[in-house]
Amino acid sequence: MCELLGMSANVPTDIRFSFAGLARRGGGAGPHRDGFGIAFYDGRAARFFHDPEPAAHSEIARFLGAHPIKSLTVIAHIRQANSGKVSLANTHPFSRELFGRVWTYAHNGQLRGVKKLPLEFYAPVGTTDSEHAFCWMLDQLRKKFDALPPPARLDREVHRLSAQLAPMGVFNMLLSDGRTLYAYCGKKLSCLTRRAPFGKATLIDADRSVNFAEETGPDDCVTVVATGPLTSDESWTVLEPGTLLALREGRIAHSIESKPQDAAKGVLKC
């Protein structure tokens, strides 16, 4: 299995602290040694860094640890290959253009039979089931909408498509168009919102702590999503399977569950 890390913030934010904890699991404190990737959004576009080498030993990961790249939305992934060989082409996150924006996607899990789903416009570069699912999702969005839809309408459609893929296996997913960060929990995903009053945090997998009160402003709000909690002294929320979070400007703007009677759980405010 792979591990995911996503961040949504209301001010440009440095993710090096959380990424350091994730990178240690990439062949150091964890078995996810088959490559890593990270995307930093800047408006509609994004900066991408990929390496098929283990994140714990990667020179690219060391570079990112030494050079802060601030962003409002970040998606990162460390890979333990189970579908497709270890290669740059199979390294998440994947990206494509849709509605004049860069879309970014990372997936944790396996999807049996997903490659039987027909593709019309988008095609995989690599050989993973994950990338095929991403291409299928964007195909479906392209067929349904002529242009970028309002956020709430897109939230519901992303949840509907995620719920279609989830029965194929394990579908934990991060997806963004630069406006919203989507996090779908198929089996295992946790989230944490940091806001005033800020305190100290200590990584589980690395000997590193930070006092966010010294690094943030009183109005800052940042939500972090990860496969498992990255810190030992903060209150992480474990998501229920079937839940989609739509994160905008650091806050949970929309939470949708798979059960029809719970299709819209409303807005959770920071």
C-alpha atoms as a PDB file:
ATOM      1  CA  MET A   1       0.000   0.000   0.000  1.00  0.00           C
ATOM      2  CA  CYS A   2       1.014   3.627  -0.533  1.00  0.00           C
ATOM      3  CA  GLU A   3       0.592   6.667   1.703  1.00  0.00           C
ATOM      4  CA  LEU A   4      -0.988  10.027   0.971  1.00  0.00           C
ATOM      5  CA  LEU A   5      -0.478  13.585   2.215  1.00  0.00           C
ATOM      6  CA  GLY A   6      -2.584  16.589   1.291  1.00  0.00           C
ATOM      7  CA  MET A   7      -2.767  20.156   2.529  1.00  0.00           C
ATOM      8  CA  SER A   8      -5.228  23.007   2.073  1.00  0.00           C
ATOM      9  CA  ALA A   9      -4.463  26.442   3.543  1.00  0.00           C
ATOM     10  CA  ASN A  10      -5.934  29.941   3.507  1.00  0.00           C
ATOM     11  CA  VAL A  11      -2.474  31.558   3.224  1.00  0.00           C
ATOM     12  CA  PRO A  12       0.614  30.301   1.356  1.00  0.00           C
ATOM     13  CA  THR A  13       2.028  27.648   3.684  1.00  0.00           C
ATOM     14  CA  ASP A  14       5.262  25.672   3.957  1.00  0.00           C
ATOM     15  CA  ILE A  15       4.549  21.904   4.178  1.00  0.00           C
ATOM     16  CA  ARG A  16       8.133  20.836   4.950  1.00  0.00           C
ATOM     17  CA  PHE A  17       7.289  19.708   8.499  1.00  0.00           C
ATOM     18  CA  SER A  18       4.533  17.293   7.467  1.00  0.00           C
ATOM     19  CA  PHE A  19       6.450  16.186   4.373  1.00  0.00           C
ATOM     20  CA  ALA A  20       9.456  15.287   6.545  1.00  0.00           C
ATOM     21  CA  GLY A  21       7.264  12.842   8.460  1.00  0.00           C
ATOM     22  CA  LEU A  22       5.859  11.337   5.264  1.00  0.00           C
ATOM     23  CA  ALA A  23       9.290  11.057   3.612  1.00  0.00           C
ATOM     24  CA  ARG A  24      10.667   9.069   6.569  1.00  0.00           C
ATOM     25  CA  ARG A  25       8.016   6.441   5.837  1.00  0.00           C
ATOM     26  CA  GLY A  26       9.280   6.221   2.250  1.00  0.00           C
ATOM     27  CA  GLY A  27      11.926   3.578   2.796  1.00  0.00           C
ATOM     28  CA  GLY A  28      13.083   4.752   6.223  1.00  0.00           C
ATOM     29  CA  ALA A  29      10.544   4.235   9.002  1.00  0.00           C
ATOM     30  CA  GLY A  30       8.174   2.529   6.537  1.00  0.00           C
ATOM     31  CA  PRO A  31       8.228   0.177   3.533  1.00  0.00           C
ATOM     32  CA  HIS A  32       7.041   2.658   0.886  1.00  0.00           C
ATOM     33  CA  ARG A  33      10.339   2.743  -1.007  1.00  0.00           C
ATOM     34  CA  ASP A  34       9.114   2.673  -4.623  1.00  0.00           C
ATOM     35  CA  GLY A  35       9.148   6.392  -5.348  1.00  0.00           C
ATOM     36  CA  PHE A  36       7.494   9.597  -4.271  1.00  0.00           C
ATOM     37  CA  GLY A  37       5.989  12.716  -5.750  1.00  0.00           C
ATOM     38  CA  ILE A  38       4.619  16.052  -4.610  1.00  0.00           C
ATOM     39  CA  ALA A  39       2.653  18.849  -6.281  1.00  0.00           C
ATOM     40  CA  PHE A  40       2.512  22.469  -5.106  1.00  0.00           C
ATOM     41  CA  TYR A  41      -0.320  24.533  -6.558  1.00  0.00           C
ATOM     42  CA  ASP A  42       0.118  28.117  -7.687  1.00  0.00           C
ATOM     43  CA  GLY A  43      -3.268  29.242  -8.945  1.00  0.00           C
ATOM     44  CA  ARG A  44      -4.452  27.025 -11.780  1.00  0.00           C
ATOM     45  CA  ALA A  45      -1.001  25.535 -12.326  1.00  0.00           C
ATOM     46  CA  ALA A  46       1.288  23.435 -10.149  1.00  0.00           C
ATOM     47  CA  ARG A  47       4.953  22.610  -9.563  1.00  0.00           C
ATOM     48  CA  PHE A  48       5.711  18.876  -9.623  1.00  0.00           C
ATOM     49  CA  PHE A  49       8.616  16.889  -8.202  1.00  0.00           C
ATOM     50  CA  HIS A  50       8.849  13.126  -8.829  1.00  0.00           C
ATOM     51  CA  ASP A  51      11.493  10.533  -8.028  1.00  0.00           C
ATOM     52  CA  PRO A  52      11.249   6.715  -8.391  1.00  0.00           C
ATOM     53  CA  GLU A  53      13.859   6.448  -5.599  1.00  0.00           C
ATOM     54  CA  PRO A  54      12.807   6.065  -1.924  1.00  0.00           C
ATOM     55  CA  ALA A  55      11.799   9.401  -0.410  1.00  0.00           C
ATOM     56  CA  ALA A  56      13.865   8.715   2.724  1.00  0.00           C
ATOM     57  CA  HIS A  57      17.050   8.620   0.629  1.00  0.00           C
ATOM     58  CA  SER A  58      16.140  10.886  -2.292  1.00  0.00           C
ATOM     59  CA  GLU A  59      18.240  13.930  -3.170  1.00  0.00           C
ATOM     60  CA  ILE A  60      15.078  15.550  -4.510  1.00  0.00           C
ATOM     61  CA  ALA A  61      13.371  15.027  -1.147  1.00  0.00           C
ATOM     62  CA  ARG A  62      16.413  16.558   0.589  1.00  0.00           C
ATOM     63  CA  PHE A  63      16.178  19.547  -1.749  1.00  0.00           C
ATOM     64  CA  LEU A  64      12.511  20.012  -0.869  1.00  0.00           C
ATOM     65  CA  GLY A  65      13.358  19.775   2.822  1.00  0.00           C
ATOM     66  CA  ALA A  66      15.879  22.588   2.466  1.00  0.00           C
ATOM     67  CA  HIS A  67      13.878  24.897   0.193  1.00  0.00           C
ATOM     68  CA  PRO A  68      10.449  26.047   1.392  1.00  0.00           C
ATOM     69  CA  ILE A  69       7.862  26.188  -1.371  1.00  0.00           C
ATOM     70  CA  LYS A  70       4.742  27.845  -0.012  1.00  0.00           C
ATOM     71  CA  SER A  71       1.393  26.878  -1.465  1.00  0.00           C
ATOM     72  CA  LEU A  72      -2.331  26.912  -0.734  1.00  0.00           C
ATOM     73  CA  THR A  73      -2.815  23.318  -1.932  1.00  0.00           C
ATOM     74  CA  VAL A  74      -0.373  20.410  -1.869  1.00  0.00           C
ATOM     75  CA  ILE A  75      -0.679  16.713  -2.787  1.00  0.00           C
ATOM     76  CA  ALA A  76       2.101  14.231  -1.946  1.00  0.00           C
ATOM     77  CA  HIS A  77       2.436  10.445  -2.274  1.00  0.00           C
ATOM     78  CA  ILE A  78       4.934   7.736  -1.304  1.00  0.00           C
ATOM     79  CA  ARG A  79       4.635   4.477  -3.221  1.00  0.00           C
ATOM     80  CA  GLN A  80       4.770   0.808  -2.368  1.00  0.00           C
ATOM     81  CA  ALA A  81       4.338  -0.749  -5.800  1.00  0.00           C
ATOM     82  CA  ASN A  82       1.626  -3.369  -6.231  1.00  0.00           C
ATOM     83  CA  SER A  83       0.390  -2.468  -9.713  1.00  0.00           C
ATOM     84  CA  GLY A  84       2.949  -1.480 -12.321  1.00  0.00           C
ATOM     85  CA  LYS A  85       6.738  -1.531 -12.115  1.00  0.00           C
ATOM     86  CA  VAL A  86       8.854   0.989 -10.225  1.00  0.00           C
ATOM     87  CA  SER A  87       9.360   3.811 -12.728  1.00  0.00           C
ATOM     88  CA  LEU A  88       8.951   7.551 -13.155  1.00  0.00           C
ATOM     89  CA  ALA A  89       5.846   7.004 -15.311  1.00  0.00           C
ATOM     90  CA  ASN A  90       4.149   5.113 -12.467  1.00  0.00           C
ATOM     91  CA  THR A  91       5.054   7.637  -9.759  1.00  0.00           C
ATOM     92  CA  HIS A  92       2.167   9.616  -8.257  1.00  0.00           C
ATOM     93  CA  PRO A  93       0.748  12.214  -8.231  1.00  0.00           C
ATOM     94  CA  PHE A  94      -0.529  12.189 -11.806  1.00  0.00           C
ATOM     95  CA  SER A  95      -1.713  15.306 -13.611  1.00  0.00           C
ATOM     96  CA  ARG A  96      -3.851  16.319 -16.586  1.00  0.00           C
ATOM     97  CA  GLU A  97      -5.501  19.500 -17.916  1.00  0.00           C
ATOM     98  CA  LEU A  98      -9.274  19.933 -17.720  1.00  0.00           C
ATOM     99  CA  PHE A  99     -11.346  23.143 -18.018  1.00  0.00           C
ATOM    100  CA  GLY A 100      -8.150  25.195 -18.336  1.00  0.00           C
ATOM    101  CA  ARG A 101      -6.789  23.987 -14.992  1.00  0.00           C
ATOM    102  CA  VAL A 102      -4.183  21.460 -13.911  1.00  0.00           C
ATOM    103  CA  TRP A 103      -5.789  18.519 -12.090  1.00  0.00           C
ATOM    104  CA  THR A 104      -3.660  16.428  -9.760  1.00  0.00           C
ATOM    105  CA  TYR A 105      -4.445  12.991  -8.344  1.00  0.00           C
ATOM    106  CA  ALA A 106      -2.860  10.455  -5.990  1.00  0.00           C
ATOM    107  CA  HIS A 107      -4.291   7.105  -4.919  1.00  0.00           C
ATOM    108  CA  ASN A 108      -3.660   4.525  -2.215  1.00  0.00           C
ATOM    109  CA  GLY A 109      -4.985   0.983  -2.757  1.00  0.00           C
ATOM    110  CA  GLN A 110      -5.734  -1.516  -5.503  1.00  0.00           C
ATOM    111  CA  LEU A 111      -8.700  -1.489  -7.893  1.00  0.00           C
ATOM    112  CA  ARG A 112      -9.615  -4.856  -9.414  1.00  0.00           C
ATOM    113  CA  GLY A 113     -10.997  -4.607 -12.926  1.00  0.00           C
ATOM    114  CA  VAL A 114     -10.628  -0.838 -13.218  1.00  0.00           C
ATOM    115  CA  LYS A 115      -8.772  -1.160 -16.526  1.00  0.00           C
ATOM    116  CA  LYS A 116     -11.954  -2.565 -18.050  1.00  0.00           C
ATOM    117  CA  LEU A 117     -13.544   0.868 -17.677  1.00  0.00           C
ATOM    118  CA  PRO A 118     -13.480   2.515 -21.128  1.00  0.00           C
ATOM    119  CA  LEU A 119     -11.404   5.638 -21.716  1.00  0.00           C
ATOM    120  CA  GLU A 120     -12.267   8.192 -24.398  1.00  0.00           C
ATOM    121  CA  PHE A 121     -10.157  11.348 -24.112  1.00  0.00           C
ATOM    122  CA  TYR A 122      -7.495  10.717 -21.465  1.00  0.00           C
ATOM    123  CA  ALA A 123      -4.957   7.895 -21.600  1.00  0.00           C
ATOM    124  CA  PRO A 124      -2.464   6.632 -19.000  1.00  0.00           C
ATOM    125  CA  VAL A 125       1.253   7.238 -19.459  1.00  0.00           C
ATOM    126  CA  GLY A 126       2.185   4.448 -17.037  1.00  0.00           C
ATOM    127  CA  THR A 127       0.684   1.066 -16.238  1.00  0.00           C
ATOM    128  CA  THR A 128      -0.947   1.510 -12.819  1.00  0.00           C
ATOM    129  CA  ASP A 129      -4.590   0.921 -11.981  1.00  0.00           C
ATOM    130  CA  SER A 130      -4.430   4.282 -10.168  1.00  0.00           C
ATOM    131  CA  GLU A 131      -3.686   6.317 -13.281  1.00  0.00           C
ATOM    132  CA  HIS A 132      -6.366   4.493 -15.259  1.00  0.00           C
ATOM    133  CA  ALA A 133      -8.916   5.425 -12.572  1.00  0.00           C
ATOM    134  CA  PHE A 134      -7.777   9.066 -12.743  1.00  0.00           C
ATOM    135  CA  CYS A 135      -8.173   9.160 -16.527  1.00  0.00           C
ATOM    136  CA  TRP A 136     -11.630   7.611 -16.204  1.00  0.00           C
ATOM    137  CA  MET A 137     -12.713  10.176 -13.609  1.00  0.00           C
ATOM    138  CA  LEU A 138     -11.604  13.093 -15.779  1.00  0.00           C
ATOM    139  CA  ASP A 139     -13.314  11.526 -18.815  1.00  0.00           C
ATOM    140  CA  GLN A 140     -16.553  11.414 -16.838  1.00  0.00           C
ATOM    141  CA  LEU A 141     -16.222  15.025 -15.684  1.00  0.00           C
ATOM    142  CA  ARG A 142     -15.453  16.158 -19.235  1.00  0.00           C
ATOM    143  CA  LYS A 143     -18.573  14.403 -20.537  1.00  0.00           C
ATOM    144  CA  LYS A 144     -20.842  15.769 -17.817  1.00  0.00           C
ATOM    145  CA  PHE A 145     -19.732  19.418 -17.743  1.00  0.00           C
ATOM    146  CA  ASP A 146     -18.994  21.875 -20.555  1.00  0.00           C
ATOM    147  CA  ALA A 147     -16.971  24.108 -18.238  1.00  0.00           C
ATOM    148  CA  LEU A 148     -15.747  24.150 -14.664  1.00  0.00           C
ATOM    149  CA  PRO A 149     -18.923  23.794 -12.550  1.00  0.00           C
ATOM    150  CA  PRO A 150     -19.643  25.608  -9.277  1.00  0.00           C
ATOM    151  CA  PRO A 151     -17.775  24.062  -6.341  1.00  0.00           C
ATOM    152  CA  ALA A 152     -20.768  22.435  -4.613  1.00  0.00           C
ATOM    153  CA  ARG A 153     -21.912  20.750  -7.832  1.00  0.00           C
ATOM    154  CA  LEU A 154     -18.405  19.466  -8.544  1.00  0.00           C
ATOM    155  CA  ASP A 155     -18.143  18.205  -4.940  1.00  0.00           C
ATOM    156  CA  ARG A 156     -21.172  15.971  -5.440  1.00  0.00           C
ATOM    157  CA  GLU A 157     -19.940  14.626  -8.765  1.00  0.00           C
ATOM    158  CA  VAL A 158     -16.466  13.812  -7.450  1.00  0.00           C
ATOM    159  CA  HIS A 159     -18.117  11.934  -4.581  1.00  0.00           C
ATOM    160  CA  ARG A 160     -20.388  10.031  -6.971  1.00  0.00           C
ATOM    161  CA  LEU A 161     -17.462   8.942  -9.145  1.00  0.00           C
ATOM    162  CA  SER A 162     -15.366   7.998  -6.109  1.00  0.00           C
ATOM    163  CA  ALA A 163     -18.219   5.888  -4.755  1.00  0.00           C
ATOM    164  CA  GLN A 164     -18.336   4.038  -8.090  1.00  0.00           C
ATOM    165  CA  LEU A 165     -14.643   3.173  -7.909  1.00  0.00           C
ATOM    166  CA  ALA A 166     -14.545   2.258  -4.215  1.00  0.00           C
ATOM    167  CA  PRO A 167     -16.242  -1.187  -4.544  1.00  0.00           C
ATOM    168  CA  MET A 168     -13.438  -2.300  -6.879  1.00  0.00           C
ATOM    169  CA  GLY A 169     -11.011  -2.578  -3.966  1.00  0.00           C
ATOM    170  CA  VAL A 170      -9.333   0.065  -1.818  1.00  0.00           C
ATOM    171  CA  PHE A 171      -9.810   3.643  -2.982  1.00  0.00           C
ATOM    172  CA  ASN A 172      -8.203   6.286  -0.784  1.00  0.00           C
ATOM    173  CA  MET A 173      -7.734   9.319  -3.016  1.00  0.00           C
ATOM    174  CA  LEU A 174      -6.564  12.933  -3.177  1.00  0.00           C
ATOM    175  CA  LEU A 175      -7.649  15.101  -6.111  1.00  0.00           C
ATOM    176  CA  SER A 176      -7.370  18.823  -6.805  1.00  0.00           C
ATOM    177  CA  ASP A 177      -8.104  21.374  -9.515  1.00  0.00           C
ATOM    178  CA  GLY A 178      -6.206  24.064  -7.597  1.00  0.00           C
ATOM    179  CA  ARG A 179      -9.457  25.452  -6.228  1.00  0.00           C
ATOM    180  CA  THR A 180     -10.525  22.528  -4.034  1.00  0.00           C
ATOM    181  CA  LEU A 181      -8.622  19.642  -2.468  1.00  0.00           C
ATOM    182  CA  TYR A 182     -10.747  16.482  -2.444  1.00  0.00           C
ATOM    183  CA  ALA A 183      -9.991  13.636  -0.046  1.00  0.00           C
ATOM    184  CA  TYR A 184     -11.966  10.401  -0.376  1.00  0.00           C
ATOM    185  CA  CYS A 185     -11.659   7.718   2.299  1.00  0.00           C
ATOM    186  CA  GLY A 186     -12.234   4.214   0.981  1.00  0.00           C
ATOM    187  CA  LYS A 187     -10.628   2.481   3.931  1.00  0.00           C
ATOM    188  CA  LYS A 188      -8.082   4.597   5.831  1.00  0.00           C
ATOM    189  CA  LEU A 189      -7.586   8.366   5.949  1.00  0.00           C
ATOM    190  CA  SER A 190      -7.146  10.906   8.745  1.00  0.00           C
ATOM    191  CA  CYS A 191      -7.331  14.690   8.881  1.00  0.00           C
ATOM    192  CA  LEU A 192      -6.291  17.522  11.170  1.00  0.00           C
ATOM    193  CA  THR A 193      -7.130  21.233  11.130  1.00  0.00           C
ATOM    194  CA  ARG A 194      -4.611  23.633  12.637  1.00  0.00           C
ATOM    195  CA  ARG A 195      -5.922  27.048  13.681  1.00  0.00           C
ATOM    196  CA  ALA A 196      -5.512  29.502  16.553  1.00  0.00           C
ATOM    197  CA  PRO A 197      -4.562  28.950  19.285  1.00  0.00           C
ATOM    198  CA  PHE A 198      -1.633  27.137  17.681  1.00  0.00           C
ATOM    199  CA  GLY A 199       0.603  24.822  19.672  1.00  0.00           C
ATOM    200  CA  LYS A 200       3.530  22.454  19.429  1.00  0.00           C
ATOM    201  CA  ALA A 201       3.578  19.366  17.202  1.00  0.00           C
ATOM    202  CA  THR A 202       5.999  16.429  17.170  1.00  0.00           C
ATOM    203  CA  LEU A 203       6.445  14.011  14.277  1.00  0.00           C
ATOM    204  CA  ILE A 204       5.916  10.306  14.943  1.00  0.00           C
ATOM    205  CA  ASP A 205       8.540   9.097  12.450  1.00  0.00           C
ATOM    206  CA  ALA A 206      11.231  11.771  12.769  1.00  0.00           C
ATOM    207  CA  ASP A 207      12.971  13.526  15.635  1.00  0.00           C
ATOM    208  CA  ARG A 208      11.438  16.881  14.833  1.00  0.00           C
ATOM    209  CA  SER A 209       9.061  19.308  16.546  1.00  0.00           C
ATOM    210  CA  VAL A 210       7.680  22.720  15.698  1.00  0.00           C
ATOM    211  CA  ASN A 211       5.800  25.379  17.635  1.00  0.00           C
ATOM    212  CA  PHE A 212       3.205  26.602  15.153  1.00  0.00           C
ATOM    213  CA  ALA A 213       2.446  29.608  17.373  1.00  0.00           C
ATOM    214  CA  GLU A 214       5.832  30.983  16.269  1.00  0.00           C
ATOM    215  CA  GLU A 215       5.259  30.193  12.585  1.00  0.00           C
ATOM    216  CA  THR A 216       1.679  31.312  11.935  1.00  0.00           C
ATOM    217  CA  GLY A 217      -0.670  34.273  12.090  1.00  0.00           C
ATOM    218  CA  PRO A 218      -3.856  34.434  14.202  1.00  0.00           C
ATOM    219  CA  ASP A 219      -6.127  34.030  11.173  1.00  0.00           C
ATOM    220  CA  ASP A 220      -4.245  31.151   9.548  1.00  0.00           C
ATOM    221  CA  CYS A 221      -6.138  27.904   8.976  1.00  0.00           C
ATOM    222  CA  VAL A 222      -4.560  24.761   7.550  1.00  0.00           C
ATOM    223  CA  THR A 223      -6.086  21.297   7.105  1.00  0.00           C
ATOM    224  CA  VAL A 224      -3.786  18.324   6.590  1.00  0.00           C
ATOM    225  CA  VAL A 225      -4.980  14.939   5.300  1.00  0.00           C
ATOM    226  CA  ALA A 226      -2.816  11.823   5.593  1.00  0.00           C
ATOM    227  CA  THR A 227      -3.171   8.065   5.389  1.00  0.00           C
ATOM    228  CA  GLY A 228      -2.288   7.895   9.082  1.00  0.00           C
ATOM    229  CA  PRO A 229      -1.533  10.568  11.721  1.00  0.00           C
ATOM    230  CA  LEU A 230       1.896  12.154  11.280  1.00  0.00           C
ATOM    231  CA  THR A 231       2.199  13.741  14.739  1.00  0.00           C
ATOM    232  CA  SER A 232       1.953  12.280  18.228  1.00  0.00           C
ATOM    233  CA  ASP A 233       0.580  15.262  20.160  1.00  0.00           C
ATOM    234  CA  GLU A 234      -2.269  16.545  17.975  1.00  0.00           C
ATOM    235  CA  SER A 235      -5.883  15.396  17.689  1.00  0.00           C
ATOM    236  CA  TRP A 236      -6.351  13.705  14.334  1.00  0.00           C
ATOM    237  CA  THR A 237      -9.805  12.704  13.082  1.00  0.00           C
ATOM    238  CA  VAL A 238     -10.141   9.284  11.450  1.00  0.00           C
ATOM    239  CA  LEU A 239     -12.528   9.522   8.496  1.00  0.00           C
ATOM    240  CA  GLU A 240     -15.364   7.058   7.998  1.00  0.00           C
ATOM    241  CA  PRO A 241     -15.079   4.930   4.840  1.00  0.00           C
ATOM    242  CA  GLY A 242     -17.163   6.410   2.047  1.00  0.00           C
ATOM    243  CA  THR A 243     -16.569  10.011   3.128  1.00  0.00           C
ATOM    244  CA  LEU A 244     -15.455  12.754   0.747  1.00  0.00           C
ATOM    245  CA  LEU A 245     -14.012  15.969   2.149  1.00  0.00           C
ATOM    246  CA  ALA A 246     -13.909  19.080  -0.031  1.00  0.00           C
ATOM    247  CA  LEU A 247     -11.269  21.424   1.387  1.00  0.00           C
ATOM    248  CA  ARG A 248     -11.113  25.074   0.390  1.00  0.00           C
ATOM    249  CA  GLU A 249      -8.852  27.738   1.884  1.00  0.00           C
ATOM    250  CA  GLY A 250      -7.821  25.488   4.739  1.00  0.00           C
ATOM    251  CA  ARG A 251     -11.328  24.581   5.827  1.00  0.00           C
ATOM    252  CA  ILE A 252     -13.665  21.646   5.321  1.00  0.00           C
ATOM    253  CA  ALA A 253     -16.193  23.292   3.025  1.00  0.00           C
ATOM    254  CA  HIS A 254     -18.223  20.139   2.363  1.00  0.00           C
ATOM    255  CA  SER A 255     -18.321  16.632   3.821  1.00  0.00           C
ATOM    256  CA  ILE A 256     -20.311  13.992   1.940  1.00  0.00           C
ATOM    257  CA  GLU A 257     -20.920  10.392   2.994  1.00  0.00           C
ATOM    258  CA  SER A 258     -21.865   7.457   0.791  1.00  0.00           C
ATOM    259  CA  LYS A 259     -25.170   6.602   2.456  1.00  0.00           C
ATOM    260  CA  PRO A 260     -28.021   8.284   0.541  1.00  0.00           C
ATOM    261  CA  GLN A 261     -29.635   9.615   3.707  1.00  0.00           C
ATOM    262  CA  ASP A 262     -26.309  11.181   4.671  1.00  0.00           C
ATOM    263  CA  ALA A 263     -25.403  12.514   1.250  1.00  0.00           C
ATOM    264  CA  ALA A 264     -24.803  16.029   2.507  1.00  0.00           C
ATOM    265  CA  LYS A 265     -23.521  16.531   6.024  1.00  0.00           C
ATOM    266  CA  GLY A 266     -23.220  20.289   5.656  1.00  0.00           C
ATOM    267  CA  VAL A 267     -20.338  22.595   6.393  1.00  0.00           C
ATOM    268  CA  LEU A 268     -17.789  22.125   9.160  1.00  0.00           C
ATOM    269  CA  LYS A 269     -16.206  25.417  10.149  1.00  0.00           C
ATOM    270  CA  CYS A 270     -12.702  26.076  11.438  1.00  0.00           C
END
